[in-house]
Amino acid sequence: MRLVLASASPRRRELLPLLGLPFEAVEPEVEELVDGDPLELVAINAERKARAGADLVAPGATVIGADTDVALGGRLLGKPATAAAAAEGLAALSGRGHEVHSGVFVLSPQGTVAGRETTTVRFRELGGREIDAYVATGEWRGRAGGYAVQGFGASLVSGIEGDVSNVIGLPMPLLAGLLQELTGAVPGLS
C-alpha cells in the first residue's frame, strides 16, 4: 500500500510513523472552512485535504487527510495570527474546559472511510504573566487554539479526557481503525 499524508503539519508527520507504515507527505493547498458546526467543519476540511492531496500523487495511493481545531463554547478558535491573538485565546481558555475536534478522511482504490474524534482538555487558571511567558516561547504559532500539549503547553493543562494524540493533531487509534476497515491490514502489525 502506498500511503500518502496530505498535510503540511510537522506534528502529523511525527505521529504517523507510530503506525509502523512507510509513508510520504504532500502539502495540498486547501483553504480551511471556518464558519459552521465545529465537528462538521473538521470532517469537511479533512476530506478536502485528502482529495486535494490525491490530485498531487499518482493514482492508486491511499491518501490521508486530517483537520484538527479547538472549540470553546461551540465556536472554533483556529490558529492565532498574532501574539496578541494567542494571548487572548489562552485567556479565554484559562480555567475552562474546551474540545479538540479532528476529522480524518482516507481515500484509496478500495473506497473511502472517514471518522471524527473529540477530546476534552481543561486548562488551569492562568495569570497574565504566565500567559505572556507562554506566548513568548512562540510555541503558539501554527497551532489550533494557540498551544501545544506536547510542549511547554503541557504546563497549562490540568486534565485531558480522551485521546491525547488527537490533541497533538492526528487521532492515531481512529486512523488505525479506518485504515484497517479500508484495507483489512492491521497498521504496524501486518
N, C-alpha and C. Protein backbone atom coordinates (compact mmCIF):
# COMPACT_ATOMS: atom_id res chain seq x y z
N MET A 1 0.85 -1.18 0.00
CA MET A 1 0.00 0.00 0.00
C MET A 1 0.90 1.25 0.00
N ARG A 2 0.67 2.12 -0.94
CA ARG A 2 1.37 3.40 -0.98
C ARG A 2 0.55 4.38 -0.15
N LEU A 3 1.11 4.83 0.97
CA LEU A 3 0.40 5.69 1.91
C LEU A 3 0.92 7.12 1.78
N VAL A 4 -0.01 8.06 1.64
CA VAL A 4 0.33 9.47 1.48
C VAL A 4 -0.42 10.29 2.51
N LEU A 5 0.30 11.10 3.24
CA LEU A 5 -0.29 12.04 4.19
C LEU A 5 -0.42 13.39 3.50
N ALA A 6 -1.64 13.88 3.37
CA ALA A 6 -1.90 15.17 2.72
C ALA A 6 -1.93 16.24 3.80
N SER A 7 -0.74 16.69 4.22
CA SER A 7 -0.66 17.64 5.32
C SER A 7 0.72 18.29 5.37
N ALA A 8 0.72 19.56 5.74
CA ALA A 8 1.98 20.27 5.98
C ALA A 8 2.35 20.24 7.46
N SER A 9 1.52 19.63 8.30
CA SER A 9 1.72 19.65 9.75
C SER A 9 2.91 18.80 10.18
N PRO A 10 3.90 19.40 10.82
CA PRO A 10 5.01 18.59 11.35
C PRO A 10 4.54 17.62 12.43
N ARG A 11 3.52 17.98 13.21
CA ARG A 11 3.02 17.08 14.24
C ARG A 11 2.44 15.81 13.63
N ARG A 12 1.69 15.93 12.56
CA ARG A 12 1.13 14.73 11.91
C ARG A 12 2.25 13.87 11.34
N ARG A 13 3.27 14.50 10.79
CA ARG A 13 4.40 13.75 10.24
C ARG A 13 5.20 13.04 11.34
N GLU A 14 5.15 13.56 12.56
CA GLU A 14 5.81 12.90 13.69
C GLU A 14 4.98 11.74 14.24
N LEU A 15 3.66 11.88 14.19
CA LEU A 15 2.78 10.85 14.75
C LEU A 15 2.58 9.65 13.82
N LEU A 16 2.46 9.90 12.52
CA LEU A 16 2.11 8.83 11.59
C LEU A 16 3.09 7.65 11.62
N PRO A 17 4.39 7.84 11.81
CA PRO A 17 5.28 6.67 11.89
C PRO A 17 4.95 5.71 13.03
N LEU A 18 4.18 6.15 14.01
CA LEU A 18 3.80 5.26 15.12
C LEU A 18 2.93 4.10 14.65
N LEU A 19 2.37 4.21 13.44
CA LEU A 19 1.59 3.09 12.90
C LEU A 19 2.48 2.05 12.26
N GLY A 20 3.78 2.34 12.11
CA GLY A 20 4.70 1.36 11.55
C GLY A 20 4.58 1.19 10.05
N LEU A 21 4.00 2.15 9.37
CA LEU A 21 3.82 2.07 7.92
C LEU A 21 4.66 3.15 7.23
N PRO A 22 5.35 2.79 6.16
CA PRO A 22 6.07 3.82 5.41
C PRO A 22 5.05 4.75 4.74
N PHE A 23 5.40 6.02 4.67
CA PHE A 23 4.50 6.98 4.04
C PHE A 23 5.31 8.11 3.42
N GLU A 24 4.65 8.84 2.58
CA GLU A 24 5.21 10.08 2.04
C GLU A 24 4.21 11.18 2.35
N ALA A 25 4.65 12.40 2.26
CA ALA A 25 3.76 13.53 2.56
C ALA A 25 3.74 14.50 1.41
N VAL A 26 2.57 15.05 1.17
CA VAL A 26 2.39 16.14 0.20
C VAL A 26 1.68 17.28 0.92
N GLU A 27 1.82 18.46 0.40
CA GLU A 27 1.20 19.64 1.03
C GLU A 27 0.18 20.26 0.08
N PRO A 28 -1.06 19.81 0.15
CA PRO A 28 -2.08 20.40 -0.72
C PRO A 28 -2.43 21.82 -0.29
N GLU A 29 -2.77 22.63 -1.24
CA GLU A 29 -3.22 23.99 -0.96
C GLU A 29 -4.73 23.96 -0.79
N VAL A 30 -5.18 24.03 0.45
CA VAL A 30 -6.62 23.99 0.74
C VAL A 30 -6.92 25.10 1.74
N GLU A 31 -7.85 25.95 1.38
CA GLU A 31 -8.30 26.97 2.33
C GLU A 31 -9.32 26.32 3.26
N GLU A 32 -9.01 26.30 4.55
CA GLU A 32 -9.88 25.65 5.51
C GLU A 32 -11.14 26.47 5.75
N LEU A 33 -12.27 25.78 5.79
CA LEU A 33 -13.54 26.42 6.13
C LEU A 33 -13.56 26.66 7.63
N VAL A 34 -14.12 27.77 8.07
CA VAL A 34 -14.09 28.12 9.50
C VAL A 34 -15.45 28.48 10.08
N ASP A 35 -16.46 28.60 9.25
CA ASP A 35 -17.79 29.01 9.74
C ASP A 35 -18.75 27.83 9.71
N GLY A 36 -19.31 27.51 10.87
CA GLY A 36 -20.28 26.43 10.96
C GLY A 36 -20.04 25.58 12.18
N ASP A 37 -20.69 24.42 12.20
CA ASP A 37 -20.56 23.47 13.30
C ASP A 37 -19.14 22.91 13.33
N PRO A 38 -18.44 23.01 14.47
CA PRO A 38 -17.05 22.57 14.55
C PRO A 38 -16.81 21.13 14.10
N LEU A 39 -17.66 20.19 14.52
CA LEU A 39 -17.47 18.79 14.13
C LEU A 39 -17.64 18.59 12.64
N GLU A 40 -18.59 19.28 12.05
CA GLU A 40 -18.80 19.18 10.60
C GLU A 40 -17.63 19.80 9.84
N LEU A 41 -17.15 20.94 10.34
CA LEU A 41 -16.06 21.63 9.65
C LEU A 41 -14.78 20.80 9.59
N VAL A 42 -14.40 20.16 10.70
CA VAL A 42 -13.16 19.37 10.66
C VAL A 42 -13.31 18.18 9.72
N ALA A 43 -14.51 17.61 9.64
CA ALA A 43 -14.75 16.49 8.72
C ALA A 43 -14.66 16.95 7.27
N ILE A 44 -15.28 18.08 6.97
CA ILE A 44 -15.25 18.62 5.61
C ILE A 44 -13.83 19.02 5.22
N ASN A 45 -13.14 19.69 6.13
CA ASN A 45 -11.77 20.12 5.82
C ASN A 45 -10.84 18.91 5.61
N ALA A 46 -11.02 17.85 6.38
CA ALA A 46 -10.20 16.65 6.21
C ALA A 46 -10.43 16.03 4.84
N GLU A 47 -11.69 15.94 4.42
CA GLU A 47 -11.98 15.39 3.10
C GLU A 47 -11.40 16.26 1.99
N ARG A 48 -11.53 17.56 2.13
CA ARG A 48 -10.99 18.48 1.11
C ARG A 48 -9.47 18.31 0.99
N LYS A 49 -8.79 18.15 2.13
CA LYS A 49 -7.33 17.97 2.11
C LYS A 49 -6.95 16.65 1.45
N ALA A 50 -7.67 15.58 1.79
CA ALA A 50 -7.36 14.27 1.20
C ALA A 50 -7.57 14.30 -0.32
N ARG A 51 -8.67 14.87 -0.75
CA ARG A 51 -8.94 14.91 -2.19
C ARG A 51 -7.93 15.79 -2.93
N ALA A 52 -7.55 16.92 -2.33
CA ALA A 52 -6.52 17.77 -2.94
C ALA A 52 -5.18 17.07 -2.95
N GLY A 53 -4.88 16.32 -1.90
CA GLY A 53 -3.64 15.55 -1.85
C GLY A 53 -3.61 14.46 -2.91
N ALA A 54 -4.75 13.81 -3.13
CA ALA A 54 -4.83 12.76 -4.14
C ALA A 54 -4.55 13.31 -5.53
N ASP A 55 -4.90 14.57 -5.76
CA ASP A 55 -4.63 15.20 -7.05
C ASP A 55 -3.14 15.43 -7.28
N LEU A 56 -2.33 15.35 -6.21
CA LEU A 56 -0.89 15.61 -6.32
C LEU A 56 -0.06 14.34 -6.48
N VAL A 57 -0.69 13.17 -6.39
CA VAL A 57 0.05 11.91 -6.48
C VAL A 57 -0.55 11.02 -7.57
N ALA A 58 0.24 10.02 -7.96
CA ALA A 58 -0.23 9.08 -8.98
C ALA A 58 -1.41 8.28 -8.45
N PRO A 59 -2.31 7.88 -9.34
CA PRO A 59 -3.45 7.06 -8.91
C PRO A 59 -2.98 5.78 -8.21
N GLY A 60 -3.83 5.29 -7.33
CA GLY A 60 -3.53 4.04 -6.63
C GLY A 60 -3.05 4.22 -5.21
N ALA A 61 -2.77 5.44 -4.81
CA ALA A 61 -2.29 5.70 -3.45
C ALA A 61 -3.46 5.74 -2.47
N THR A 62 -3.15 5.45 -1.22
CA THR A 62 -4.08 5.64 -0.12
C THR A 62 -3.71 6.97 0.52
N VAL A 63 -4.63 7.93 0.50
CA VAL A 63 -4.35 9.29 0.92
C VAL A 63 -5.12 9.62 2.19
N ILE A 64 -4.39 10.17 3.16
CA ILE A 64 -4.98 10.56 4.45
C ILE A 64 -5.07 12.08 4.52
N GLY A 65 -6.25 12.57 4.81
CA GLY A 65 -6.44 13.99 5.10
C GLY A 65 -6.95 14.13 6.52
N ALA A 66 -6.47 15.14 7.23
CA ALA A 66 -6.90 15.35 8.61
C ALA A 66 -7.02 16.84 8.89
N ASP A 67 -7.90 17.17 9.80
CA ASP A 67 -8.05 18.55 10.24
C ASP A 67 -8.36 18.53 11.74
N THR A 68 -7.70 19.40 12.48
CA THR A 68 -7.89 19.49 13.92
C THR A 68 -8.11 20.94 14.30
N ASP A 69 -9.06 21.19 15.18
CA ASP A 69 -9.27 22.55 15.67
C ASP A 69 -9.79 22.49 17.10
N VAL A 70 -9.70 23.62 17.75
CA VAL A 70 -10.12 23.78 19.14
C VAL A 70 -11.43 24.56 19.16
N ALA A 71 -12.39 24.07 19.92
CA ALA A 71 -13.68 24.75 20.04
C ALA A 71 -13.94 25.11 21.50
N LEU A 72 -14.40 26.30 21.68
CA LEU A 72 -14.79 26.79 23.01
C LEU A 72 -16.19 27.36 22.88
N GLY A 73 -17.12 26.79 23.62
CA GLY A 73 -18.50 27.27 23.54
C GLY A 73 -19.10 27.10 22.17
N GLY A 74 -18.71 26.02 21.45
CA GLY A 74 -19.28 25.75 20.13
C GLY A 74 -18.69 26.58 19.01
N ARG A 75 -17.63 27.34 19.30
CA ARG A 75 -17.01 28.19 18.27
C ARG A 75 -15.55 27.79 18.10
N LEU A 76 -15.12 27.64 16.84
CA LEU A 76 -13.73 27.29 16.57
C LEU A 76 -12.82 28.46 16.88
N LEU A 77 -11.69 28.16 17.54
CA LEU A 77 -10.71 29.20 17.84
C LEU A 77 -9.70 29.37 16.71
N GLY A 78 -9.42 28.32 15.98
CA GLY A 78 -8.46 28.40 14.89
C GLY A 78 -7.04 28.62 15.38
N LYS A 79 -6.18 29.01 14.44
CA LYS A 79 -4.78 29.28 14.74
C LYS A 79 -4.61 30.78 14.89
N PRO A 80 -4.12 31.25 16.03
CA PRO A 80 -3.97 32.69 16.19
C PRO A 80 -2.95 33.26 15.19
N ALA A 81 -3.26 34.43 14.67
CA ALA A 81 -2.39 35.06 13.67
C ALA A 81 -1.30 35.91 14.30
N THR A 82 -1.53 36.35 15.53
CA THR A 82 -0.57 37.24 16.19
C THR A 82 -0.38 36.80 17.64
N ALA A 83 0.68 37.32 18.25
CA ALA A 83 0.92 37.04 19.67
C ALA A 83 -0.23 37.56 20.52
N ALA A 84 -0.76 38.71 20.17
CA ALA A 84 -1.88 39.27 20.93
C ALA A 84 -3.11 38.36 20.83
N ALA A 85 -3.36 37.82 19.64
CA ALA A 85 -4.49 36.91 19.47
C ALA A 85 -4.26 35.62 20.25
N ALA A 86 -3.01 35.15 20.30
CA ALA A 86 -2.70 33.95 21.07
C ALA A 86 -2.96 34.19 22.55
N ALA A 87 -2.52 35.32 23.05
CA ALA A 87 -2.73 35.65 24.47
C ALA A 87 -4.21 35.76 24.78
N GLU A 88 -4.97 36.36 23.90
CA GLU A 88 -6.42 36.49 24.09
C GLU A 88 -7.09 35.12 24.13
N GLY A 89 -6.69 34.24 23.22
CA GLY A 89 -7.26 32.90 23.20
C GLY A 89 -6.92 32.11 24.44
N LEU A 90 -5.67 32.20 24.91
CA LEU A 90 -5.27 31.48 26.12
C LEU A 90 -6.02 32.01 27.34
N ALA A 91 -6.23 33.32 27.39
CA ALA A 91 -7.00 33.90 28.49
C ALA A 91 -8.44 33.37 28.48
N ALA A 92 -9.01 33.18 27.29
CA ALA A 92 -10.37 32.64 27.18
C ALA A 92 -10.42 31.18 27.64
N LEU A 93 -9.33 30.42 27.41
CA LEU A 93 -9.29 29.01 27.79
C LEU A 93 -8.96 28.82 29.27
N SER A 94 -8.41 29.84 29.91
CA SER A 94 -7.96 29.75 31.30
C SER A 94 -9.07 29.29 32.23
N GLY A 95 -8.78 28.23 33.00
CA GLY A 95 -9.72 27.73 33.98
C GLY A 95 -10.94 27.04 33.41
N ARG A 96 -10.92 26.74 32.12
CA ARG A 96 -12.11 26.18 31.46
C ARG A 96 -11.76 24.91 30.69
N GLY A 97 -12.79 24.18 30.40
CA GLY A 97 -12.66 23.03 29.52
C GLY A 97 -13.01 23.43 28.10
N HIS A 98 -12.40 22.77 27.14
CA HIS A 98 -12.72 23.01 25.73
C HIS A 98 -12.56 21.70 24.97
N GLU A 99 -13.04 21.68 23.76
CA GLU A 99 -12.99 20.47 22.94
C GLU A 99 -11.96 20.64 21.84
N VAL A 100 -11.24 19.55 21.59
CA VAL A 100 -10.36 19.46 20.43
C VAL A 100 -11.02 18.45 19.49
N HIS A 101 -11.39 18.92 18.31
CA HIS A 101 -12.07 18.09 17.31
C HIS A 101 -11.12 17.80 16.16
N SER A 102 -11.14 16.55 15.70
CA SER A 102 -10.39 16.19 14.50
C SER A 102 -11.31 15.42 13.56
N GLY A 103 -11.11 15.68 12.29
CA GLY A 103 -11.73 14.88 11.24
C GLY A 103 -10.62 14.17 10.50
N VAL A 104 -10.84 12.91 10.14
CA VAL A 104 -9.88 12.14 9.35
C VAL A 104 -10.64 11.55 8.18
N PHE A 105 -10.06 11.67 6.99
CA PHE A 105 -10.66 11.13 5.77
C PHE A 105 -9.58 10.37 5.02
N VAL A 106 -9.88 9.12 4.67
CA VAL A 106 -8.92 8.29 3.94
C VAL A 106 -9.57 7.85 2.63
N LEU A 107 -8.86 8.07 1.53
CA LEU A 107 -9.37 7.59 0.26
C LEU A 107 -8.32 6.72 -0.40
N SER A 108 -8.78 5.66 -1.04
CA SER A 108 -7.89 4.70 -1.68
C SER A 108 -8.64 4.04 -2.83
N PRO A 109 -7.95 3.20 -3.59
CA PRO A 109 -8.66 2.47 -4.65
C PRO A 109 -9.79 1.59 -4.11
N GLN A 110 -9.72 1.21 -2.81
CA GLN A 110 -10.77 0.38 -2.22
C GLN A 110 -11.99 1.20 -1.81
N GLY A 111 -11.90 2.51 -1.79
CA GLY A 111 -13.02 3.34 -1.40
C GLY A 111 -12.59 4.43 -0.43
N THR A 112 -13.53 4.92 0.35
CA THR A 112 -13.24 5.98 1.30
C THR A 112 -13.82 5.61 2.67
N VAL A 113 -13.17 6.11 3.72
CA VAL A 113 -13.68 6.00 5.07
C VAL A 113 -13.38 7.31 5.79
N ALA A 114 -14.19 7.63 6.76
CA ALA A 114 -14.00 8.88 7.49
C ALA A 114 -14.42 8.69 8.94
N GLY A 115 -13.87 9.52 9.79
CA GLY A 115 -14.26 9.49 11.19
C GLY A 115 -13.92 10.81 11.86
N ARG A 116 -14.47 10.95 13.05
CA ARG A 116 -14.22 12.17 13.85
C ARG A 116 -13.86 11.76 15.27
N GLU A 117 -13.08 12.60 15.91
CA GLU A 117 -12.66 12.37 17.28
C GLU A 117 -12.78 13.67 18.05
N THR A 118 -13.22 13.57 19.31
CA THR A 118 -13.28 14.73 20.19
C THR A 118 -12.62 14.39 21.51
N THR A 119 -11.76 15.28 21.96
CA THR A 119 -11.07 15.15 23.24
C THR A 119 -11.35 16.42 24.03
N THR A 120 -11.64 16.27 25.31
CA THR A 120 -11.86 17.42 26.16
C THR A 120 -10.57 17.75 26.91
N VAL A 121 -10.18 19.01 26.86
CA VAL A 121 -8.98 19.48 27.54
C VAL A 121 -9.40 20.56 28.53
N ARG A 122 -8.85 20.50 29.72
CA ARG A 122 -9.15 21.51 30.74
C ARG A 122 -7.86 22.24 31.07
N PHE A 123 -7.94 23.59 31.08
CA PHE A 123 -6.80 24.43 31.43
C PHE A 123 -6.87 24.81 32.90
N ARG A 124 -5.71 24.99 33.51
CA ARG A 124 -5.62 25.58 34.84
C ARG A 124 -5.98 27.06 34.73
N GLU A 125 -6.20 27.68 35.88
CA GLU A 125 -6.34 29.14 35.91
C GLU A 125 -4.97 29.73 35.58
N LEU A 126 -4.92 30.60 34.59
CA LEU A 126 -3.66 31.18 34.14
C LEU A 126 -3.63 32.67 34.44
N GLY A 127 -2.53 33.13 34.98
CA GLY A 127 -2.35 34.56 35.21
C GLY A 127 -1.76 35.23 33.99
N GLY A 128 -1.84 36.53 33.96
CA GLY A 128 -1.34 37.31 32.82
C GLY A 128 0.13 37.09 32.54
N ARG A 129 0.94 37.03 33.60
CA ARG A 129 2.38 36.80 33.42
C ARG A 129 2.65 35.43 32.81
N GLU A 130 1.89 34.45 33.26
CA GLU A 130 2.07 33.10 32.74
C GLU A 130 1.68 33.02 31.27
N ILE A 131 0.59 33.67 30.91
CA ILE A 131 0.17 33.71 29.51
C ILE A 131 1.24 34.40 28.67
N ASP A 132 1.72 35.54 29.14
CA ASP A 132 2.75 36.27 28.40
C ASP A 132 4.02 35.44 28.23
N ALA A 133 4.41 34.71 29.28
CA ALA A 133 5.61 33.88 29.21
C ALA A 133 5.42 32.75 28.19
N TYR A 134 4.23 32.15 28.16
CA TYR A 134 3.97 31.09 27.19
C TYR A 134 3.98 31.65 25.77
N VAL A 135 3.32 32.76 25.58
CA VAL A 135 3.28 33.37 24.24
C VAL A 135 4.70 33.70 23.78
N ALA A 136 5.56 34.14 24.68
CA ALA A 136 6.94 34.49 24.34
C ALA A 136 7.73 33.29 23.82
N THR A 137 7.31 32.06 24.15
CA THR A 137 8.01 30.88 23.64
C THR A 137 7.82 30.73 22.14
N GLY A 138 6.76 31.31 21.59
CA GLY A 138 6.46 31.18 20.17
C GLY A 138 5.80 29.87 19.80
N GLU A 139 5.58 29.01 20.79
CA GLU A 139 5.01 27.69 20.54
C GLU A 139 3.58 27.77 19.99
N TRP A 140 2.91 28.88 20.19
CA TRP A 140 1.52 29.05 19.74
C TRP A 140 1.40 29.13 18.22
N ARG A 141 2.49 29.47 17.55
CA ARG A 141 2.43 29.69 16.08
C ARG A 141 2.02 28.42 15.34
N GLY A 142 1.02 28.56 14.48
CA GLY A 142 0.57 27.44 13.66
C GLY A 142 -0.16 26.36 14.42
N ARG A 143 -0.65 26.66 15.62
CA ARG A 143 -1.31 25.66 16.45
C ARG A 143 -2.77 26.05 16.70
N ALA A 144 -3.66 25.10 16.45
CA ALA A 144 -5.06 25.32 16.76
C ALA A 144 -5.20 25.62 18.25
N GLY A 145 -5.90 26.66 18.59
CA GLY A 145 -6.08 27.05 19.98
C GLY A 145 -4.90 27.79 20.56
N GLY A 146 -3.79 27.86 19.83
CA GLY A 146 -2.62 28.61 20.27
C GLY A 146 -1.77 27.93 21.33
N TYR A 147 -1.83 26.59 21.41
CA TYR A 147 -0.98 25.89 22.38
C TYR A 147 -0.60 24.51 21.86
N ALA A 148 0.46 23.95 22.44
CA ALA A 148 0.93 22.61 22.10
C ALA A 148 1.02 21.78 23.36
N VAL A 149 0.15 20.80 23.49
CA VAL A 149 0.12 19.96 24.69
C VAL A 149 1.38 19.11 24.82
N GLN A 150 2.08 18.87 23.71
CA GLN A 150 3.28 18.05 23.75
C GLN A 150 4.54 18.90 23.97
N GLY A 151 4.37 20.17 24.26
CA GLY A 151 5.49 21.06 24.51
C GLY A 151 5.31 21.80 25.81
N PHE A 152 5.73 23.07 25.81
CA PHE A 152 5.57 23.91 27.00
C PHE A 152 4.10 24.02 27.41
N GLY A 153 3.21 23.88 26.43
CA GLY A 153 1.78 23.98 26.71
C GLY A 153 1.25 22.93 27.66
N ALA A 154 2.01 21.85 27.88
CA ALA A 154 1.58 20.83 28.84
C ALA A 154 1.39 21.43 30.22
N SER A 155 2.14 22.47 30.54
CA SER A 155 2.04 23.09 31.87
C SER A 155 0.75 23.90 32.04
N LEU A 156 0.06 24.18 30.96
CA LEU A 156 -1.19 24.94 31.02
C LEU A 156 -2.39 24.06 31.32
N VAL A 157 -2.24 22.76 31.09
CA VAL A 157 -3.34 21.80 31.12
C VAL A 157 -3.47 21.16 32.49
N SER A 158 -4.71 21.11 32.99
CA SER A 158 -4.95 20.41 34.25
C SER A 158 -5.54 19.03 34.04
N GLY A 159 -6.04 18.75 32.84
CA GLY A 159 -6.59 17.43 32.58
C GLY A 159 -6.97 17.23 31.13
N ILE A 160 -6.93 15.96 30.71
CA ILE A 160 -7.34 15.59 29.34
C ILE A 160 -8.24 14.38 29.46
N GLU A 161 -9.38 14.47 28.81
CA GLU A 161 -10.33 13.35 28.78
C GLU A 161 -10.45 12.89 27.34
N GLY A 162 -9.78 11.76 27.04
CA GLY A 162 -9.81 11.25 25.67
C GLY A 162 -8.41 11.05 25.13
N ASP A 163 -8.32 11.01 23.82
CA ASP A 163 -7.11 10.67 23.10
C ASP A 163 -6.16 11.86 22.99
N VAL A 164 -4.98 11.75 23.62
CA VAL A 164 -4.01 12.85 23.59
C VAL A 164 -3.43 13.02 22.18
N SER A 165 -3.32 11.95 21.38
CA SER A 165 -2.80 12.12 20.01
C SER A 165 -3.74 13.00 19.19
N ASN A 166 -5.02 12.98 19.53
CA ASN A 166 -5.97 13.88 18.88
C ASN A 166 -5.62 15.33 19.18
N VAL A 167 -5.26 15.62 20.41
CA VAL A 167 -4.92 16.98 20.80
C VAL A 167 -3.64 17.43 20.09
N ILE A 168 -2.72 16.50 19.86
CA ILE A 168 -1.48 16.82 19.15
C ILE A 168 -1.77 17.08 17.67
N GLY A 169 -2.77 16.42 17.11
CA GLY A 169 -3.14 16.73 15.73
C GLY A 169 -3.49 15.58 14.83
N LEU A 170 -3.38 14.32 15.31
CA LEU A 170 -3.76 13.19 14.48
C LEU A 170 -4.20 12.05 15.40
N PRO A 171 -5.51 11.80 15.47
CA PRO A 171 -6.01 10.75 16.38
C PRO A 171 -5.60 9.36 15.88
N MET A 172 -4.55 8.81 16.47
CA MET A 172 -3.96 7.57 15.99
C MET A 172 -4.88 6.36 16.10
N PRO A 173 -5.58 6.14 17.22
CA PRO A 173 -6.48 4.98 17.27
C PRO A 173 -7.57 5.06 16.18
N LEU A 174 -8.11 6.24 15.97
CA LEU A 174 -9.13 6.40 14.92
C LEU A 174 -8.53 6.09 13.56
N LEU A 175 -7.36 6.65 13.25
CA LEU A 175 -6.74 6.42 11.95
C LEU A 175 -6.41 4.95 11.74
N ALA A 176 -5.87 4.29 12.76
CA ALA A 176 -5.55 2.86 12.64
C ALA A 176 -6.81 2.05 12.32
N GLY A 177 -7.90 2.37 13.00
CA GLY A 177 -9.16 1.68 12.74
C GLY A 177 -9.69 1.93 11.34
N LEU A 178 -9.56 3.17 10.86
CA LEU A 178 -10.02 3.49 9.50
C LEU A 178 -9.20 2.75 8.45
N LEU A 179 -7.87 2.72 8.64
CA LEU A 179 -7.01 2.01 7.68
C LEU A 179 -7.31 0.52 7.69
N GLN A 180 -7.55 -0.05 8.86
CA GLN A 180 -7.89 -1.47 8.94
C GLN A 180 -9.23 -1.74 8.26
N GLU A 181 -10.19 -0.85 8.50
CA GLU A 181 -11.51 -1.01 7.86
C GLU A 181 -11.40 -0.97 6.34
N LEU A 182 -10.57 -0.10 5.83
CA LEU A 182 -10.46 0.11 4.39
C LEU A 182 -9.62 -0.97 3.71
N THR A 183 -8.50 -1.36 4.34
CA THR A 183 -7.55 -2.26 3.67
C THR A 183 -7.53 -3.66 4.24
N GLY A 184 -8.08 -3.86 5.45
CA GLY A 184 -8.03 -5.16 6.09
C GLY A 184 -6.73 -5.40 6.85
N ALA A 185 -5.73 -4.55 6.62
CA ALA A 185 -4.44 -4.70 7.29
C ALA A 185 -4.48 -4.05 8.66
N VAL A 186 -3.77 -4.63 9.60
CA VAL A 186 -3.63 -4.03 10.92
C VAL A 186 -2.38 -3.17 10.88
N PRO A 187 -2.52 -1.83 10.91
CA PRO A 187 -1.34 -0.97 10.79
C PRO A 187 -0.26 -1.36 11.78
N GLY A 188 0.97 -1.50 11.24
CA GLY A 188 2.13 -1.81 12.06
C GLY A 188 2.28 -3.27 12.41
N LEU A 189 1.22 -4.07 12.17
CA LEU A 189 1.26 -5.47 12.58
C LEU A 189 1.07 -6.43 11.43
N SER A 190 0.77 -5.92 10.24
CA SER A 190 0.60 -6.84 9.12
C SER A 190 1.20 -6.28 7.86
